[in-house]
Amino acid sequence: IFPDQKPIIIRGRTMVPLRVIFEHQDVQAEVKWNEVERTVTATDRTGKTIVFRINENNYRVQEKGKEGQIKYTDVAPIIENERTLLPLRALSESLDFQVDWIDKERKVEITTFM
């Protein structure tokens, strides 16, 4: 599922390439990169918009027709090997997915409700 950039762990958080999650068939988000502001914006098929900025812990989630919310993640998005990596838990929970860590298998399970 991660063809050219494997997930990495930073300070106990799994970091994943953003396009693999946002462009997955269960999400089908449109992803835009702003080089000047160093932000990635994803809008899913429900109209929810999520904006992450490289090296910043705050990110914004805005549902269609509602006021946006500023949220926090303890590990900021980074660029590694020319790929944008986002913290999986923050990314998944912003999409209303359930995230579970199976410690003995060192595996993450994501449950979608779409």
N, C-alpha and C. Protein backbone atom coordinates (compact mmCIF):
# COMPACT_ATOMS: atom_id res chain seq x y z
N ILE A 1 0.82 -1.20 0.00
CA ILE A 1 0.00 0.00 0.00
C ILE A 1 0.87 1.27 0.00
N PHE A 2 2.12 1.19 0.42
CA PHE A 2 3.04 2.34 0.40
C PHE A 2 4.14 2.05 -0.62
N PRO A 3 3.93 2.39 -1.89
CA PRO A 3 4.84 1.96 -2.95
C PRO A 3 6.24 2.56 -2.92
N ASP A 4 6.38 3.86 -2.68
CA ASP A 4 7.70 4.47 -2.82
C ASP A 4 8.25 5.12 -1.55
N GLN A 5 7.46 5.24 -0.51
CA GLN A 5 7.92 5.79 0.76
C GLN A 5 7.22 5.03 1.87
N LYS A 6 7.98 4.25 2.59
CA LYS A 6 7.42 3.47 3.70
C LYS A 6 7.11 4.40 4.87
N PRO A 7 6.13 4.03 5.70
CA PRO A 7 5.87 4.81 6.92
C PRO A 7 7.10 4.79 7.82
N ILE A 8 7.25 5.84 8.60
CA ILE A 8 8.32 5.90 9.59
C ILE A 8 7.71 6.27 10.93
N ILE A 9 8.43 6.00 12.00
CA ILE A 9 7.94 6.36 13.34
C ILE A 9 8.83 7.45 13.89
N ILE A 10 8.20 8.54 14.33
CA ILE A 10 8.89 9.66 14.96
C ILE A 10 8.23 9.91 16.31
N ARG A 11 9.02 9.82 17.36
CA ARG A 11 8.52 10.03 18.73
C ARG A 11 7.21 9.27 18.99
N GLY A 12 7.19 8.02 18.57
CA GLY A 12 6.04 7.17 18.84
C GLY A 12 4.85 7.37 17.92
N ARG A 13 5.00 8.20 16.91
CA ARG A 13 3.90 8.46 15.96
C ARG A 13 4.26 7.91 14.59
N THR A 14 3.31 7.22 13.98
CA THR A 14 3.50 6.69 12.63
C THR A 14 3.23 7.80 11.63
N MET A 15 4.23 8.05 10.78
CA MET A 15 4.14 9.08 9.74
C MET A 15 3.98 8.38 8.40
N VAL A 16 2.98 8.80 7.62
CA VAL A 16 2.68 8.13 6.35
C VAL A 16 2.64 9.14 5.21
N PRO A 17 2.93 8.67 3.99
CA PRO A 17 2.80 9.55 2.82
C PRO A 17 1.33 9.96 2.66
N LEU A 18 1.10 11.23 2.53
CA LEU A 18 -0.27 11.73 2.54
C LEU A 18 -1.12 11.23 1.39
N ARG A 19 -0.59 11.14 0.21
CA ARG A 19 -1.42 10.77 -0.94
C ARG A 19 -1.98 9.36 -0.84
N VAL A 20 -1.25 8.46 -0.22
CA VAL A 20 -1.73 7.08 -0.08
C VAL A 20 -3.04 7.05 0.70
N ILE A 21 -3.14 7.87 1.73
CA ILE A 21 -4.36 7.92 2.54
C ILE A 21 -5.43 8.77 1.86
N PHE A 22 -5.08 10.01 1.51
CA PHE A 22 -6.07 10.93 0.95
C PHE A 22 -6.65 10.45 -0.37
N GLU A 23 -5.86 9.76 -1.18
CA GLU A 23 -6.35 9.33 -2.49
C GLU A 23 -6.86 7.89 -2.48
N HIS A 24 -6.91 7.26 -1.31
CA HIS A 24 -7.45 5.90 -1.18
C HIS A 24 -8.91 5.89 -1.61
N GLN A 25 -9.38 4.76 -2.11
CA GLN A 25 -10.75 4.65 -2.61
C GLN A 25 -11.81 4.98 -1.56
N ASP A 26 -11.51 4.79 -0.27
CA ASP A 26 -12.47 5.12 0.78
C ASP A 26 -12.50 6.61 1.11
N VAL A 27 -11.54 7.36 0.61
CA VAL A 27 -11.45 8.80 0.91
C VAL A 27 -11.69 9.63 -0.34
N GLN A 28 -10.93 9.36 -1.39
CA GLN A 28 -11.03 10.05 -2.67
C GLN A 28 -10.97 11.57 -2.52
N ALA A 29 -9.98 12.04 -1.79
CA ALA A 29 -9.82 13.48 -1.60
C ALA A 29 -8.99 14.08 -2.72
N GLU A 30 -9.26 15.34 -3.00
CA GLU A 30 -8.42 16.11 -3.92
C GLU A 30 -7.31 16.73 -3.09
N VAL A 31 -6.07 16.55 -3.51
CA VAL A 31 -4.91 17.02 -2.75
C VAL A 31 -4.21 18.12 -3.52
N LYS A 32 -3.90 19.22 -2.81
CA LYS A 32 -3.16 20.33 -3.43
C LYS A 32 -1.98 20.70 -2.54
N TRP A 33 -0.84 20.93 -3.18
CA TRP A 33 0.39 21.34 -2.48
C TRP A 33 0.66 22.80 -2.81
N ASN A 34 0.91 23.61 -1.78
CA ASN A 34 1.28 25.01 -1.97
C ASN A 34 2.74 25.15 -1.58
N GLU A 35 3.59 25.26 -2.57
CA GLU A 35 5.04 25.33 -2.35
C GLU A 35 5.44 26.56 -1.53
N VAL A 36 4.82 27.70 -1.82
CA VAL A 36 5.18 28.95 -1.14
C VAL A 36 4.85 28.87 0.35
N GLU A 37 3.64 28.42 0.67
CA GLU A 37 3.22 28.35 2.08
C GLU A 37 3.60 27.03 2.74
N ARG A 38 4.07 26.09 1.94
CA ARG A 38 4.44 24.75 2.42
C ARG A 38 3.26 24.09 3.14
N THR A 39 2.10 24.14 2.47
CA THR A 39 0.90 23.53 3.02
C THR A 39 0.38 22.48 2.05
N VAL A 40 -0.30 21.50 2.62
CA VAL A 40 -1.02 20.52 1.82
C VAL A 40 -2.48 20.64 2.23
N THR A 41 -3.34 20.75 1.23
CA THR A 41 -4.77 20.88 1.47
C THR A 41 -5.47 19.71 0.80
N ALA A 42 -6.32 19.05 1.55
CA ALA A 42 -7.08 17.93 1.00
C ALA A 42 -8.56 18.19 1.24
N THR A 43 -9.35 17.98 0.20
CA THR A 43 -10.79 18.13 0.31
C THR A 43 -11.41 16.80 -0.08
N ASP A 44 -12.15 16.20 0.87
CA ASP A 44 -12.74 14.89 0.59
C ASP A 44 -14.07 15.05 -0.14
N ARG A 45 -14.69 13.94 -0.47
CA ARG A 45 -15.91 13.99 -1.29
C ARG A 45 -17.12 14.55 -0.55
N THR A 46 -17.03 14.71 0.79
CA THR A 46 -18.11 15.34 1.54
C THR A 46 -17.94 16.85 1.62
N GLY A 47 -16.79 17.35 1.14
CA GLY A 47 -16.50 18.78 1.20
C GLY A 47 -15.66 19.18 2.39
N LYS A 48 -15.28 18.22 3.23
CA LYS A 48 -14.41 18.52 4.37
C LYS A 48 -13.02 18.86 3.86
N THR A 49 -12.45 19.95 4.39
CA THR A 49 -11.12 20.39 3.99
C THR A 49 -10.18 20.30 5.18
N ILE A 50 -9.00 19.75 4.93
CA ILE A 50 -7.97 19.58 5.97
C ILE A 50 -6.70 20.23 5.45
N VAL A 51 -6.09 21.08 6.27
CA VAL A 51 -4.88 21.79 5.85
C VAL A 51 -3.77 21.54 6.87
N PHE A 52 -2.67 20.94 6.40
CA PHE A 52 -1.47 20.72 7.21
C PHE A 52 -0.35 21.60 6.66
N ARG A 53 0.47 22.14 7.55
CA ARG A 53 1.64 22.92 7.14
C ARG A 53 2.89 22.18 7.61
N ILE A 54 3.88 22.07 6.73
CA ILE A 54 5.12 21.37 7.06
C ILE A 54 5.77 22.02 8.28
N ASN A 55 6.22 21.17 9.20
CA ASN A 55 6.92 21.56 10.43
C ASN A 55 6.09 22.37 11.41
N GLU A 56 4.75 22.34 11.28
CA GLU A 56 3.88 23.01 12.25
C GLU A 56 2.92 21.99 12.84
N ASN A 57 2.71 22.10 14.15
CA ASN A 57 1.89 21.13 14.86
C ASN A 57 0.39 21.40 14.76
N ASN A 58 0.01 22.62 14.45
CA ASN A 58 -1.41 22.93 14.31
C ASN A 58 -1.86 22.66 12.88
N TYR A 59 -3.08 22.16 12.75
CA TYR A 59 -3.66 21.97 11.43
C TYR A 59 -5.13 22.34 11.51
N ARG A 60 -5.75 22.58 10.35
CA ARG A 60 -7.13 23.06 10.32
C ARG A 60 -8.03 22.03 9.65
N VAL A 61 -9.20 21.84 10.25
CA VAL A 61 -10.22 20.96 9.68
C VAL A 61 -11.50 21.78 9.54
N GLN A 62 -12.05 21.79 8.34
CA GLN A 62 -13.28 22.54 8.12
C GLN A 62 -14.26 21.69 7.35
N GLU A 63 -15.42 21.46 7.98
CA GLU A 63 -16.48 20.72 7.30
C GLU A 63 -17.31 21.70 6.49
N LYS A 64 -17.86 21.22 5.40
CA LYS A 64 -18.63 22.07 4.51
C LYS A 64 -19.76 22.76 5.29
N GLY A 65 -19.83 24.09 5.17
CA GLY A 65 -20.89 24.85 5.81
C GLY A 65 -20.70 25.10 7.29
N LYS A 66 -19.55 24.73 7.85
CA LYS A 66 -19.30 24.93 9.28
C LYS A 66 -18.03 25.75 9.46
N GLU A 67 -17.87 26.28 10.67
CA GLU A 67 -16.66 27.01 11.00
C GLU A 67 -15.49 26.04 11.16
N GLY A 68 -14.32 26.43 10.71
CA GLY A 68 -13.15 25.58 10.80
C GLY A 68 -12.65 25.43 12.23
N GLN A 69 -11.98 24.31 12.50
CA GLN A 69 -11.40 24.04 13.82
C GLN A 69 -9.89 23.92 13.67
N ILE A 70 -9.17 24.51 14.62
CA ILE A 70 -7.73 24.32 14.68
C ILE A 70 -7.47 23.14 15.60
N LYS A 71 -6.71 22.17 15.13
CA LYS A 71 -6.38 20.99 15.91
C LYS A 71 -4.87 20.92 16.09
N TYR A 72 -4.43 20.01 16.94
CA TYR A 72 -3.01 19.91 17.29
C TYR A 72 -2.55 18.47 17.17
N THR A 73 -1.35 18.30 16.65
CA THR A 73 -0.70 16.99 16.64
C THR A 73 0.68 17.15 17.26
N ASP A 74 1.10 16.17 18.04
CA ASP A 74 2.37 16.31 18.76
C ASP A 74 3.59 16.08 17.87
N VAL A 75 3.39 15.60 16.65
CA VAL A 75 4.49 15.46 15.69
C VAL A 75 4.05 16.17 14.40
N ALA A 76 4.82 17.15 13.98
CA ALA A 76 4.47 17.96 12.81
C ALA A 76 4.74 17.21 11.51
N PRO A 77 4.00 17.54 10.46
CA PRO A 77 4.27 16.98 9.13
C PRO A 77 5.69 17.32 8.67
N ILE A 78 6.27 16.42 7.90
CA ILE A 78 7.64 16.62 7.40
C ILE A 78 7.71 16.24 5.93
N ILE A 79 8.82 16.59 5.31
CA ILE A 79 9.13 16.11 3.97
C ILE A 79 10.34 15.19 4.09
N GLU A 80 10.18 13.98 3.57
CA GLU A 80 11.24 12.96 3.62
C GLU A 80 11.32 12.32 2.24
N ASN A 81 12.50 12.30 1.64
CA ASN A 81 12.67 11.71 0.31
C ASN A 81 11.68 12.29 -0.70
N GLU A 82 11.48 13.60 -0.64
CA GLU A 82 10.58 14.33 -1.54
C GLU A 82 9.12 13.90 -1.41
N ARG A 83 8.76 13.34 -0.28
CA ARG A 83 7.37 12.95 0.00
C ARG A 83 6.92 13.64 1.28
N THR A 84 5.67 14.10 1.29
CA THR A 84 5.11 14.71 2.48
C THR A 84 4.56 13.62 3.37
N LEU A 85 5.05 13.57 4.62
CA LEU A 85 4.59 12.58 5.59
C LEU A 85 3.79 13.29 6.67
N LEU A 86 2.63 12.72 6.97
CA LEU A 86 1.75 13.27 7.99
C LEU A 86 1.57 12.25 9.10
N PRO A 87 1.29 12.73 10.32
CA PRO A 87 1.02 11.80 11.41
C PRO A 87 -0.29 11.05 11.14
N LEU A 88 -0.20 9.74 11.09
CA LEU A 88 -1.34 8.91 10.70
C LEU A 88 -2.56 9.13 11.59
N ARG A 89 -2.36 9.20 12.90
CA ARG A 89 -3.51 9.36 13.80
C ARG A 89 -4.24 10.67 13.53
N ALA A 90 -3.52 11.78 13.45
CA ALA A 90 -4.16 13.08 13.19
C ALA A 90 -4.87 13.07 11.84
N LEU A 91 -4.20 12.55 10.84
CA LEU A 91 -4.76 12.47 9.50
C LEU A 91 -6.04 11.63 9.50
N SER A 92 -5.98 10.45 10.08
CA SER A 92 -7.12 9.53 10.08
C SER A 92 -8.28 10.07 10.91
N GLU A 93 -7.98 10.59 12.09
CA GLU A 93 -9.05 11.11 12.94
C GLU A 93 -9.70 12.35 12.33
N SER A 94 -8.95 13.13 11.57
CA SER A 94 -9.55 14.29 10.91
C SER A 94 -10.54 13.84 9.83
N LEU A 95 -10.40 12.61 9.36
CA LEU A 95 -11.33 12.03 8.39
C LEU A 95 -12.41 11.19 9.08
N ASP A 96 -12.45 11.26 10.41
CA ASP A 96 -13.41 10.50 11.22
C ASP A 96 -13.21 8.99 11.13
N PHE A 97 -11.97 8.56 10.96
CA PHE A 97 -11.64 7.14 10.99
C PHE A 97 -11.21 6.78 12.40
N GLN A 98 -11.38 5.52 12.75
CA GLN A 98 -10.89 5.02 14.03
C GLN A 98 -9.50 4.43 13.81
N VAL A 99 -8.57 4.77 14.70
CA VAL A 99 -7.19 4.31 14.58
C VAL A 99 -6.83 3.50 15.82
N ASP A 100 -6.33 2.29 15.61
CA ASP A 100 -5.90 1.43 16.73
C ASP A 100 -4.49 0.93 16.47
N TRP A 101 -3.65 0.98 17.50
CA TRP A 101 -2.28 0.49 17.45
C TRP A 101 -2.24 -0.88 18.09
N ILE A 102 -1.79 -1.90 17.37
CA ILE A 102 -1.62 -3.25 17.90
C ILE A 102 -0.14 -3.40 18.21
N ASP A 103 0.20 -3.22 19.49
CA ASP A 103 1.59 -3.11 19.91
C ASP A 103 2.40 -4.37 19.60
N LYS A 104 1.89 -5.55 19.97
CA LYS A 104 2.71 -6.75 19.79
C LYS A 104 2.97 -7.08 18.32
N GLU A 105 2.12 -6.58 17.42
CA GLU A 105 2.34 -6.79 15.99
C GLU A 105 2.98 -5.57 15.32
N ARG A 106 3.11 -4.48 16.10
CA ARG A 106 3.61 -3.19 15.57
C ARG A 106 2.86 -2.84 14.28
N LYS A 107 1.53 -2.83 14.42
CA LYS A 107 0.66 -2.63 13.28
C LYS A 107 -0.42 -1.61 13.63
N VAL A 108 -0.81 -0.83 12.66
CA VAL A 108 -1.90 0.12 12.81
C VAL A 108 -3.11 -0.41 12.05
N GLU A 109 -4.26 -0.36 12.69
CA GLU A 109 -5.51 -0.71 12.01
C GLU A 109 -6.37 0.54 11.92
N ILE A 110 -6.90 0.78 10.74
CA ILE A 110 -7.75 1.93 10.51
C ILE A 110 -9.12 1.42 10.10
N THR A 111 -10.15 1.91 10.77
CA THR A 111 -11.52 1.53 10.46
C THR A 111 -12.22 2.76 9.89
N THR A 112 -12.81 2.59 8.71
CA THR A 112 -13.56 3.69 8.10
C THR A 112 -15.04 3.46 8.35
N PHE A 113 -15.77 4.54 8.38
CA PHE A 113 -17.21 4.45 8.60
C PHE A 113 -17.98 5.00 7.41
N MET A 114 -17.35 4.96 6.24
CA MET A 114 -17.99 5.52 5.04
C MET A 114 -18.77 4.44 4.32
